[in-house]
């Protein structure tokens, strides 16, 4: 790998790590409705697979934030999603979820 490319990748990785540290620090200061959840938390909450969660993102069913390769979901957006769907979130053949 070219030396300049390697240096640039290292610089970008450092920036990403700093952003993630900042994001984690901000999460601690947020009120519970603003808390950010990772994909594992959301999959457990709804009892869905990683693929289903990816499909929800693609279909704009669930709001998310992405920094680099890291995806997070706000607790407030999750709560709104549940309200929009009257608490009925299930994995079905045809998505019956209301989109944003």
PDB file of N, CA and C in Angstrom:
ATOM      1  N   UNK A   1       0.849  -1.178   0.000  1.00  0.00           N
ATOM      2  CA  UNK A   1       0.000   0.000   0.000  1.00  0.00           C
ATOM      3  C   UNK A   1       0.894   1.240   0.000  1.00  0.00           C
ATOM      4  N   UNK A   2       0.515   2.220  -0.767  1.00  0.00           N
ATOM      5  CA  UNK A   2       1.257   3.469  -0.855  1.00  0.00           C
ATOM      6  C   UNK A   2       1.329   4.129   0.525  1.00  0.00           C
ATOM      7  N   UNK A   3       2.487   4.669   0.862  1.00  0.00           N
ATOM      8  CA  UNK A   3       2.710   5.272   2.174  1.00  0.00           C
ATOM      9  C   UNK A   3       1.735   6.417   2.454  1.00  0.00           C
ATOM     10  N   UNK A   4       1.479   7.266   1.464  1.00  0.00           N
ATOM     11  CA  UNK A   4       0.560   8.398   1.641  1.00  0.00           C
ATOM     12  C   UNK A   4      -0.860   7.920   1.911  1.00  0.00           C
ATOM     13  N   UNK A   5      -1.268   6.873   1.220  1.00  0.00           N
ATOM     14  CA  UNK A   5      -2.604   6.310   1.420  1.00  0.00           C
ATOM     15  C   UNK A   5      -2.714   5.756   2.832  1.00  0.00           C
ATOM     16  N   UNK A   6      -1.674   5.066   3.269  1.00  0.00           N
ATOM     17  CA  UNK A   6      -1.670   4.493   4.614  1.00  0.00           C
ATOM     18  C   UNK A   6      -1.773   5.598   5.670  1.00  0.00           C
ATOM     19  N   UNK A   7      -1.016   6.687   5.490  1.00  0.00           N
ATOM     20  CA  UNK A   7      -1.093   7.811   6.425  1.00  0.00           C
ATOM     21  C   UNK A   7      -2.486   8.431   6.453  1.00  0.00           C
ATOM     22  N   UNK A   8      -3.092   8.572   5.286  1.00  0.00           N
ATOM     23  CA  UNK A   8      -4.439   9.150   5.218  1.00  0.00           C
ATOM     24  C   UNK A   8      -5.459   8.250   5.905  1.00  0.00           C
ATOM     25  N   UNK A   9      -5.347   6.956   5.704  1.00  0.00           N
ATOM     26  CA  UNK A   9      -6.254   6.016   6.376  1.00  0.00           C
ATOM     27  C   UNK A   9      -6.082   6.082   7.892  1.00  0.00           C
ATOM     28  N   UNK A  10      -4.857   6.184   8.342  1.00  0.00           N
ATOM     29  CA  UNK A  10      -4.613   6.301   9.784  1.00  0.00           C
ATOM     30  C   UNK A  10      -5.219   7.587  10.331  1.00  0.00           C
ATOM     31  N   UNK A  11      -5.073   8.683   9.577  1.00  0.00           N
ATOM     32  CA  UNK A  11      -5.646   9.952  10.000  1.00  0.00           C
ATOM     33  C   UNK A  11      -7.164   9.876  10.080  1.00  0.00           C
ATOM     34  N   UNK A  12      -7.779   9.266   9.077  1.00  0.00           N
ATOM     35  CA  UNK A  12      -9.239   9.131   9.068  1.00  0.00           C
ATOM     36  C   UNK A  12      -9.716   8.238  10.202  1.00  0.00           C
ATOM     37  N   UNK A  13      -8.991   7.170  10.480  1.00  0.00           N
ATOM     38  CA  UNK A  13      -9.360   6.290  11.601  1.00  0.00           C
ATOM     39  C   UNK A  13      -9.278   7.031  12.928  1.00  0.00           C
ATOM     40  N   UNK A  14      -8.266   7.886  13.071  1.00  0.00           N
ATOM     41  CA  UNK A  14      -8.137   8.668  14.298  1.00  0.00           C
ATOM     42  C   UNK A  14      -9.311   9.630  14.447  1.00  0.00           C
ATOM     43  N   UNK A  15      -9.690  10.279  13.360  1.00  0.00           N
ATOM     44  CA  UNK A  15     -10.835  11.194  13.383  1.00  0.00           C
ATOM     45  C   UNK A  15     -12.105  10.434  13.767  1.00  0.00           C
ATOM     46  N   UNK A  16     -12.293   9.264  13.176  1.00  0.00           N
ATOM     47  CA  UNK A  16     -13.472   8.444  13.492  1.00  0.00           C
ATOM     48  C   UNK A  16     -13.497   8.042  14.962  1.00  0.00           C
ATOM     49  N   UNK A  17     -12.352   7.606  15.481  1.00  0.00           N
ATOM     50  CA  UNK A  17     -12.284   7.216  16.899  1.00  0.00           C
ATOM     51  C   UNK A  17     -12.634   8.406  17.796  1.00  0.00           C
ATOM     52  N   UNK A  18     -12.129   9.579  17.441  1.00  0.00           N
ATOM     53  CA  UNK A  18     -12.440  10.775  18.226  1.00  0.00           C
ATOM     54  C   UNK A  18     -13.921  11.115  18.162  1.00  0.00           C
ATOM     55  N   UNK A  19     -14.528  10.979  16.976  1.00  0.00           N
ATOM     56  CA  UNK A  19     -15.968  11.215  16.846  1.00  0.00           C
ATOM     57  C   UNK A  19     -16.766  10.235  17.707  1.00  0.00           C
ATOM     58  N   UNK A  20     -16.355   8.979  17.697  1.00  0.00           N
ATOM     59  CA  UNK A  20     -17.062   7.975  18.497  1.00  0.00           C
ATOM     60  C   UNK A  20     -16.918   8.258  19.991  1.00  0.00           C
ATOM     61  N   UNK A  21     -15.742   8.672  20.422  1.00  0.00           N
ATOM     62  CA  UNK A  21     -15.551   9.030  21.834  1.00  0.00           C
ATOM     63  C   UNK A  21     -16.450  10.203  22.200  1.00  0.00           C
ATOM     64  N   UNK A  22     -16.500  11.206  21.303  1.00  0.00           N
ATOM     65  CA  UNK A  22     -17.356  12.355  21.547  1.00  0.00           C
ATOM     66  C   UNK A  22     -18.812  11.925  21.628  1.00  0.00           C
ATOM     67  N   UNK A  23     -19.226  11.054  20.705  1.00  0.00           N
ATOM     68  CA  UNK A  23     -20.609  10.579  20.671  1.00  0.00           C
ATOM     69  C   UNK A  23     -20.953   9.831  21.956  1.00  0.00           C
ATOM     70  N   UNK A  24     -20.039   9.007  22.442  1.00  0.00           N
ATOM     71  CA  UNK A  24     -20.283   8.276  23.690  1.00  0.00           C
ATOM     72  C   UNK A  24     -20.379   9.230  24.870  1.00  0.00           C
ATOM     73  N   UNK A  25     -19.533  10.266  24.881  1.00  0.00           N
ATOM     74  CA  UNK A  25     -19.596  11.259  25.956  1.00  0.00           C
ATOM     75  C   UNK A  25     -20.922  12.011  25.914  1.00  0.00           C
ATOM     76  N   UNK A  26     -21.401  12.337  24.716  1.00  0.00           N
ATOM     77  CA  UNK A  26     -22.674  13.048  24.586  1.00  0.00           C
ATOM     78  C   UNK A  26     -23.834  12.164  25.020  1.00  0.00           C
ATOM     79  N   UNK A  27     -23.743  10.861  24.720  1.00  0.00           N
ATOM     80  CA  UNK A  27     -24.808   9.932  25.130  1.00  0.00           C
ATOM     81  C   UNK A  27     -24.992   9.970  26.634  1.00  0.00           C
ATOM     82  N   UNK A  28     -23.900  10.052  27.376  1.00  0.00           N
ATOM     83  CA  UNK A  28     -23.976  10.045  28.833  1.00  0.00           C
ATOM     84  C   UNK A  28     -24.667  11.296  29.362  1.00  0.00           C
ATOM     85  N   UNK A  29     -24.587  12.392  28.612  1.00  0.00           N
ATOM     86  CA  UNK A  29     -25.188  13.648  29.049  1.00  0.00           C
ATOM     87  C   UNK A  29     -26.642  13.796  28.619  1.00  0.00           C
ATOM     88  N   UNK A  30     -27.114  12.937  27.735  1.00  0.00           N
ATOM     89  CA  UNK A  30     -28.469  13.048  27.190  1.00  0.00           C
ATOM     90  C   UNK A  30     -29.514  12.553  28.174  1.00  0.00           C
ATOM     91  N   UNK A  31     -30.718  13.084  28.016  1.00  0.00           N
ATOM     92  CA  UNK A  31     -31.804  12.529  28.807  1.00  0.00           C
ATOM     93  C   UNK A  31     -32.201  11.188  28.175  1.00  0.00           C
ATOM     94  N   UNK A  32     -32.932  10.348  28.895  1.00  0.00           N
ATOM     95  CA  UNK A  32     -33.232   8.999  28.387  1.00  0.00           C
ATOM     96  C   UNK A  32     -33.898   8.954  27.016  1.00  0.00           C
ATOM     97  N   UNK A  33     -34.727   9.949  26.691  1.00  0.00           N
ATOM     98  CA  UNK A  33     -35.396   9.934  25.389  1.00  0.00           C
ATOM     99  C   UNK A  33     -34.407  10.177  24.251  1.00  0.00           C
ATOM    100  N   UNK A  34     -33.273  10.787  24.550  1.00  0.00           N
ATOM    101  CA  UNK A  34     -32.278  11.084  23.536  1.00  0.00           C
ATOM    102  C   UNK A  34     -31.157  10.045  23.502  1.00  0.00           C
ATOM    103  N   UNK A  35     -31.231   9.056  24.363  1.00  0.00           N
ATOM    104  CA  UNK A  35     -30.185   8.035  24.429  1.00  0.00           C
ATOM    105  C   UNK A  35     -30.057   7.329  23.072  1.00  0.00           C
ATOM    106  N   UNK A  36     -28.830   7.020  22.694  1.00  0.00           N
ATOM    107  CA  UNK A  36     -28.593   6.327  21.434  1.00  0.00           C
ATOM    108  C   UNK A  36     -28.367   4.839  21.697  1.00  0.00           C
ATOM    109  N   UNK A  37     -29.072   4.019  20.954  1.00  0.00           N
ATOM    110  CA  UNK A  37     -28.969   2.568  21.080  1.00  0.00           C
ATOM    111  C   UNK A  37     -28.204   2.007  19.892  1.00  0.00           C
ATOM    112  N   UNK A  38     -27.513   0.907  20.107  1.00  0.00           N
ATOM    113  CA  UNK A  38     -26.864   0.267  18.965  1.00  0.00           C
ATOM    114  C   UNK A  38     -27.806  -0.773  18.369  1.00  0.00           C
ATOM    115  N   UNK A  39     -27.406  -1.355  17.255  1.00  0.00           N
ATOM    116  CA  UNK A  39     -28.255  -2.307  16.547  1.00  0.00           C
ATOM    117  C   UNK A  39     -28.646  -3.503  17.393  1.00  0.00           C
ATOM    118  N   UNK A  40     -27.711  -3.983  18.203  1.00  0.00           N
ATOM    119  CA  UNK A  40     -27.994  -5.143  19.059  1.00  0.00           C
ATOM    120  C   UNK A  40     -29.127  -4.830  20.029  1.00  0.00           C
ATOM    121  N   UNK A  41     -29.082  -3.632  20.618  1.00  0.00           N
ATOM    122  CA  UNK A  41     -30.150  -3.221  21.544  1.00  0.00           C
ATOM    123  C   UNK A  41     -31.506  -3.198  20.854  1.00  0.00           C
ATOM    124  N   UNK A  42     -31.538  -2.625  19.652  1.00  0.00           N
ATOM    125  CA  UNK A  42     -32.802  -2.495  18.915  1.00  0.00           C
ATOM    126  C   UNK A  42     -33.309  -3.866  18.465  1.00  0.00           C
ATOM    127  N   UNK A  43     -32.396  -4.738  18.023  1.00  0.00           N
ATOM    128  CA  UNK A  43     -32.806  -6.092  17.603  1.00  0.00           C
ATOM    129  C   UNK A  43     -33.414  -6.852  18.772  1.00  0.00           C
ATOM    130  N   UNK A  44     -32.805  -6.725  19.958  1.00  0.00           N
ATOM    131  CA  UNK A  44     -33.346  -7.391  21.153  1.00  0.00           C
ATOM    132  C   UNK A  44     -34.700  -6.796  21.533  1.00  0.00           C
ATOM    133  N   UNK A  45     -34.792  -5.475  21.463  1.00  0.00           N
ATOM    134  CA  UNK A  45     -36.029  -4.788  21.837  1.00  0.00           C
ATOM    135  C   UNK A  45     -37.213  -5.262  21.012  1.00  0.00           C
ATOM    136  N   UNK A  46     -37.014  -5.400  19.693  1.00  0.00           N
ATOM    137  CA  UNK A  46     -38.108  -5.784  18.803  1.00  0.00           C
ATOM    138  C   UNK A  46     -38.114  -7.261  18.434  1.00  0.00           C
ATOM    139  N   UNK A  47     -37.077  -7.992  18.832  1.00  0.00           N
ATOM    140  CA  UNK A  47     -37.012  -9.415  18.496  1.00  0.00           C
ATOM    141  C   UNK A  47     -36.872  -9.646  17.000  1.00  0.00           C
ATOM    142  N   UNK A  48     -36.058  -8.808  16.341  1.00  0.00           N
ATOM    143  CA  UNK A  48     -35.864  -8.936  14.901  1.00  0.00           C
ATOM    144  C   UNK A  48     -34.400  -9.223  14.595  1.00  0.00           C
ATOM    145  N   UNK A  49     -34.152  -9.628  13.371  1.00  0.00           N
ATOM    146  CA  UNK A  49     -32.794  -9.943  12.939  1.00  0.00           C
ATOM    147  C   UNK A  49     -32.076  -8.690  12.446  1.00  0.00           C
ATOM    148  N   UNK A  50     -30.781  -8.836  12.231  1.00  0.00           N
ATOM    149  CA  UNK A  50     -29.982  -7.744  11.685  1.00  0.00           C
ATOM    150  C   UNK A  50     -30.492  -7.359  10.297  1.00  0.00           C
ATOM    151  N   UNK A  51     -30.884  -8.351   9.525  1.00  0.00           N
ATOM    152  CA  UNK A  51     -31.410  -8.105   8.174  1.00  0.00           C
ATOM    153  C   UNK A  51     -32.711  -7.295   8.214  1.00  0.00           C
ATOM    154  N   UNK A  52     -33.588  -7.629   9.154  1.00  0.00           N
ATOM    155  CA  UNK A  52     -34.843  -6.888   9.300  1.00  0.00           C
ATOM    156  C   UNK A  52     -34.560  -5.435   9.674  1.00  0.00           C
ATOM    157  N   UNK A  53     -33.639  -5.237  10.583  1.00  0.00           N
ATOM    158  CA  UNK A  53     -33.284  -3.887  10.993  1.00  0.00           C
ATOM    159  C   UNK A  53     -32.705  -3.096   9.809  1.00  0.00           C
ATOM    160  N   UNK A  54     -31.878  -3.741   9.012  1.00  0.00           N
ATOM    161  CA  UNK A  54     -31.324  -3.098   7.808  1.00  0.00           C
ATOM    162  C   UNK A  54     -32.442  -2.739   6.832  1.00  0.00           C
ATOM    163  N   UNK A  55     -33.413  -3.617   6.699  1.00  0.00           N
ATOM    164  CA  UNK A  55     -34.551  -3.348   5.807  1.00  0.00           C
ATOM    165  C   UNK A  55     -35.368  -2.169   6.318  1.00  0.00           C
ATOM    166  N   UNK A  56     -35.569  -2.087   7.642  1.00  0.00           N
ATOM    167  CA  UNK A  56     -36.286  -0.960   8.227  1.00  0.00           C
ATOM    168  C   UNK A  56     -35.555   0.345   7.930  1.00  0.00           C
ATOM    169  N   UNK A  57     -34.211   0.332   8.017  1.00  0.00           N
ATOM    170  CA  UNK A  57     -33.444   1.535   7.687  1.00  0.00           C
ATOM    171  C   UNK A  57     -33.641   1.898   6.217  1.00  0.00           C
ATOM    172  N   UNK A  58     -33.537   0.892   5.351  1.00  0.00           N
ATOM    173  CA  UNK A  58     -33.675   1.115   3.907  1.00  0.00           C
ATOM    174  C   UNK A  58     -35.063   1.671   3.562  1.00  0.00           C
ATOM    175  N   UNK A  59     -36.080   1.164   4.216  1.00  0.00           N
ATOM    176  CA  UNK A  59     -37.467   1.579   3.952  1.00  0.00           C
ATOM    177  C   UNK A  59     -37.885   2.824   4.740  1.00  0.00           C
ATOM    178  N   UNK A  60     -36.933   3.438   5.457  1.00  0.00           N
ATOM    179  CA  UNK A  60     -37.215   4.628   6.275  1.00  0.00           C
ATOM    180  C   UNK A  60     -38.273   4.375   7.338  1.00  0.00           C
ATOM    181  N   UNK A  61     -38.292   3.172   7.858  1.00  0.00           N
ATOM    182  CA  UNK A  61     -39.225   2.826   8.927  1.00  0.00           C
ATOM    183  C   UNK A  61     -38.666   3.296  10.261  1.00  0.00           C
ATOM    184  N   UNK A  62     -37.344   3.299  10.376  1.00  0.00           N
ATOM    185  CA  UNK A  62     -36.693   3.653  11.633  1.00  0.00           C
ATOM    186  C   UNK A  62     -35.630   4.717  11.367  1.00  0.00           C
ATOM    187  N   UNK A  63     -35.604   5.731  12.224  1.00  0.00           N
ATOM    188  CA  UNK A  63     -34.590   6.773  12.110  1.00  0.00           C
ATOM    189  C   UNK A  63     -33.276   6.263  12.684  1.00  0.00           C
ATOM    190  N   UNK A  64     -32.175   6.709  12.114  1.00  0.00           N
ATOM    191  CA  UNK A  64     -30.870   6.302  12.603  1.00  0.00           C
ATOM    192  C   UNK A  64     -29.834   7.360  12.276  1.00  0.00           C
ATOM    193  N   UNK A  65     -28.707   7.264  12.946  1.00  0.00           N
ATOM    194  CA  UNK A  65     -27.563   8.142  12.721  1.00  0.00           C
ATOM    195  C   UNK A  65     -26.404   7.243  12.361  1.00  0.00           C
ATOM    196  N   UNK A  66     -25.635   7.640  11.338  1.00  0.00           N
ATOM    197  CA  UNK A  66     -24.491   6.835  10.933  1.00  0.00           C
ATOM    198  C   UNK A  66     -23.254   7.712  10.863  1.00  0.00           C
ATOM    199  N   UNK A  67     -22.227   7.316  11.586  1.00  0.00           N
ATOM    200  CA  UNK A  67     -20.928   7.979  11.533  1.00  0.00           C
ATOM    201  C   UNK A  67     -19.920   6.915  11.143  1.00  0.00           C
ATOM    202  N   UNK A  68     -19.372   7.053   9.961  1.00  0.00           N
ATOM    203  CA  UNK A  68     -18.486   6.001   9.445  1.00  0.00           C
ATOM    204  C   UNK A  68     -19.308   4.748   9.239  1.00  0.00           C
ATOM    205  N   UNK A  69     -18.897   3.667   9.861  1.00  0.00           N
ATOM    206  CA  UNK A  69     -19.634   2.404   9.777  1.00  0.00           C
ATOM    207  C   UNK A  69     -20.486   2.140  11.010  1.00  0.00           C
ATOM    208  N   UNK A  70     -20.555   3.104  11.913  1.00  0.00           N
ATOM    209  CA  UNK A  70     -21.283   2.929  13.171  1.00  0.00           C
ATOM    210  C   UNK A  70     -22.690   3.492  13.035  1.00  0.00           C
ATOM    211  N   UNK A  71     -23.685   2.658  13.322  1.00  0.00           N
ATOM    212  CA  UNK A  71     -25.089   3.069  13.237  1.00  0.00           C
ATOM    213  C   UNK A  71     -25.674   3.096  14.643  1.00  0.00           C
ATOM    214  N   UNK A  72     -26.393   4.165  14.958  1.00  0.00           N
ATOM    215  CA  UNK A  72     -27.063   4.294  16.249  1.00  0.00           C
ATOM    216  C   UNK A  72     -28.509   4.727  16.010  1.00  0.00           C
ATOM    217  N   UNK A  73     -29.366   4.416  16.984  1.00  0.00           N
ATOM    218  CA  UNK A  73     -30.795   4.715  16.926  1.00  0.00           C
ATOM    219  C   UNK A  73     -31.157   5.491  18.187  1.00  0.00           C
ATOM    220  N   UNK A  74     -31.883   6.596  18.028  1.00  0.00           N
ATOM    221  CA  UNK A  74     -32.248   7.369  19.214  1.00  0.00           C
ATOM    222  C   UNK A  74     -33.452   6.726  19.898  1.00  0.00           C
ATOM    223  N   UNK A  75     -33.400   6.730  21.218  1.00  0.00           N
ATOM    224  CA  UNK A  75     -34.490   6.152  22.009  1.00  0.00           C
ATOM    225  C   UNK A  75     -35.788   6.892  21.723  1.00  0.00           C
ATOM    226  N   UNK A  76     -35.701   8.216  21.561  1.00  0.00           N
ATOM    227  CA  UNK A  76     -36.898   9.005  21.245  1.00  0.00           C
ATOM    228  C   UNK A  76     -37.516   8.597  19.921  1.00  0.00           C
ATOM    229  N   UNK A  77     -36.671   8.354  18.904  1.00  0.00           N
ATOM    230  CA  UNK A  77     -37.182   7.933  17.592  1.00  0.00           C
ATOM    231  C   UNK A  77     -37.813   6.543  17.689  1.00  0.00           C
ATOM    232  N   UNK A  78     -37.222   5.678  18.490  1.00  0.00           N
ATOM    233  CA  UNK A  78     -37.788   4.338  18.702  1.00  0.00           C
ATOM    234  C   UNK A  78     -39.174   4.461  19.339  1.00  0.00           C
ATOM    235  N   UNK A  79     -39.263   5.331  20.355  1.00  0.00           N
ATOM    236  CA  UNK A  79     -40.552   5.533  21.026  1.00  0.00           C
ATOM    237  C   UNK A  79     -41.599   6.064  20.056  1.00  0.00           C
ATOM    238  N   UNK A  80     -41.205   7.013  19.191  1.00  0.00           N
ATOM    239  CA  UNK A  80     -42.133   7.549  18.188  1.00  0.00           C
ATOM    240  C   UNK A  80     -42.569   6.466  17.204  1.00  0.00           C
ATOM    241  N   UNK A  81     -41.640   5.623  16.826  1.00  0.00           N
ATOM    242  CA  UNK A  81     -41.954   4.530  15.896  1.00  0.00           C
ATOM    243  C   UNK A  81     -43.002   3.599  16.509  1.00  0.00           C
ATOM    244  N   UNK A  82     -42.841   3.304  17.780  1.00  0.00           N
ATOM    245  CA  UNK A  82     -43.801   2.437  18.479  1.00  0.00           C
ATOM    246  C   UNK A  82     -45.171   3.115  18.530  1.00  0.00           C
ATOM    247  N   UNK A  83     -45.198   4.418  18.828  1.00  0.00           N
ATOM    248  CA  UNK A  83     -46.468   5.156  18.875  1.00  0.00           C
ATOM    249  C   UNK A  83     -47.160   5.165  17.510  1.00  0.00           C
ATOM    250  N   UNK A  84     -46.375   5.417  16.449  1.00  0.00           N
ATOM    251  CA  UNK A  84     -46.942   5.463  15.093  1.00  0.00           C
ATOM    252  C   UNK A  84     -47.613   4.151  14.720  1.00  0.00           C
ATOM    253  N   UNK A  85     -47.106   3.075  15.278  1.00  0.00           N
ATOM    254  CA  UNK A  85     -47.612   1.752  14.922  1.00  0.00           C
ATOM    255  C   UNK A  85     -48.435   1.120  16.037  1.00  0.00           C
ATOM    256  N   UNK A  86     -48.929   1.955  16.937  1.00  0.00           N
ATOM    257  CA  UNK A  86     -49.791   1.497  18.042  1.00  0.00           C
ATOM    258  C   UNK A  86     -49.191   0.330  18.811  1.00  0.00           C
ATOM    259  N   UNK A  87     -47.883   0.334  18.964  1.00  0.00           N
ATOM    260  CA  UNK A  87     -47.225  -0.728  19.711  1.00  0.00           C
ATOM    261  C   UNK A  87     -47.176  -2.053  18.983  1.00  0.00           C
ATOM    262  N   UNK A  88     -47.652  -2.105  17.730  1.00  0.00           N
ATOM    263  CA  UNK A  88     -47.699  -3.361  16.971  1.00  0.00           C
ATOM    264  C   UNK A  88     -46.523  -3.415  16.005  1.00  0.00           C
ATOM    265  N   UNK A  89     -45.398  -3.869  16.475  1.00  0.00           N
ATOM    266  CA  UNK A  89     -44.234  -4.030  15.611  1.00  0.00           C
ATOM    267  C   UNK A  89     -43.929  -5.509  15.516  1.00  0.00           C
ATOM    268  N   UNK A  90     -44.073  -6.029  14.338  1.00  0.00           N
ATOM    269  CA  UNK A  90     -43.774  -7.441  14.164  1.00  0.00           C
ATOM    270  C   UNK A  90     -43.168  -7.646  12.792  1.00  0.00           C
ATOM    271  N   UNK A  91     -42.439  -8.707  12.672  1.00  0.00           N
ATOM    272  CA  UNK A  91     -41.823  -9.065  11.403  1.00  0.00           C
ATOM    273  C   UNK A  91     -42.864  -9.855  10.620  1.00  0.00           C
ATOM    274  N   UNK A  92     -43.306  -9.300   9.514  1.00  0.00           N
ATOM    275  CA  UNK A  92     -44.301  -9.981   8.695  1.00  0.00           C
ATOM    276  C   UNK A  92     -43.781 -10.070   7.275  1.00  0.00           C
ATOM    277  N   UNK A  93     -44.435 -10.881   6.460  1.00  0.00           N
ATOM    278  CA  UNK A  93     -44.008 -11.028   5.071  1.00  0.00           C
ATOM    279  C   UNK A  93     -44.109  -9.693   4.347  1.00  0.00           C
ATOM    280  N   UNK A  94     -45.191  -8.991   4.551  1.00  0.00           N
ATOM    281  CA  UNK A  94     -45.403  -7.676   3.964  1.00  0.00           C
ATOM    282  C   UNK A  94     -45.288  -6.669   5.100  1.00  0.00           C
ATOM    283  N   UNK A  95     -44.410  -5.681   4.983  1.00  0.00           N
ATOM    284  CA  UNK A  95     -44.234  -4.716   6.074  1.00  0.00           C
ATOM    285  C   UNK A  95     -45.501  -3.912   6.237  1.00  0.00           C
ATOM    286  N   UNK A  96     -46.040  -3.926   7.443  1.00  0.00           N
ATOM    287  CA  UNK A  96     -47.241  -3.154   7.727  1.00  0.00           C
ATOM    288  C   UNK A  96     -46.910  -1.956   8.612  1.00  0.00           C
ATOM    289  N   UNK A  97     -45.639  -1.611   8.678  1.00  0.00           N
ATOM    290  CA  UNK A  97     -45.218  -0.501   9.519  1.00  0.00           C
ATOM    291  C   UNK A  97     -45.407   0.816   8.772  1.00  0.00           C
ATOM    292  N   UNK A  98     -45.820   1.829   9.510  1.00  0.00           N
ATOM    293  CA  UNK A  98     -45.948   3.149   8.921  1.00  0.00           C
ATOM    294  C   UNK A  98     -44.566   3.786   8.878  1.00  0.00           C
ATOM    295  N   UNK A  99     -44.269   4.384   7.754  1.00  0.00           N
ATOM    296  CA  UNK A  99     -42.975   5.017   7.596  1.00  0.00           C
ATOM    297  C   UNK A  99     -43.029   6.442   8.098  1.00  0.00           C
ATOM    298  N   UNK A 100     -41.829   7.034   8.270  1.00  0.00           N
ATOM    299  CA  UNK A 100     -41.722   8.423   8.742  1.00  0.00           C
ATOM    300  C   UNK A 100     -42.467   9.368   7.846  1.00  0.00           C
TER     301      UNK A 100
END
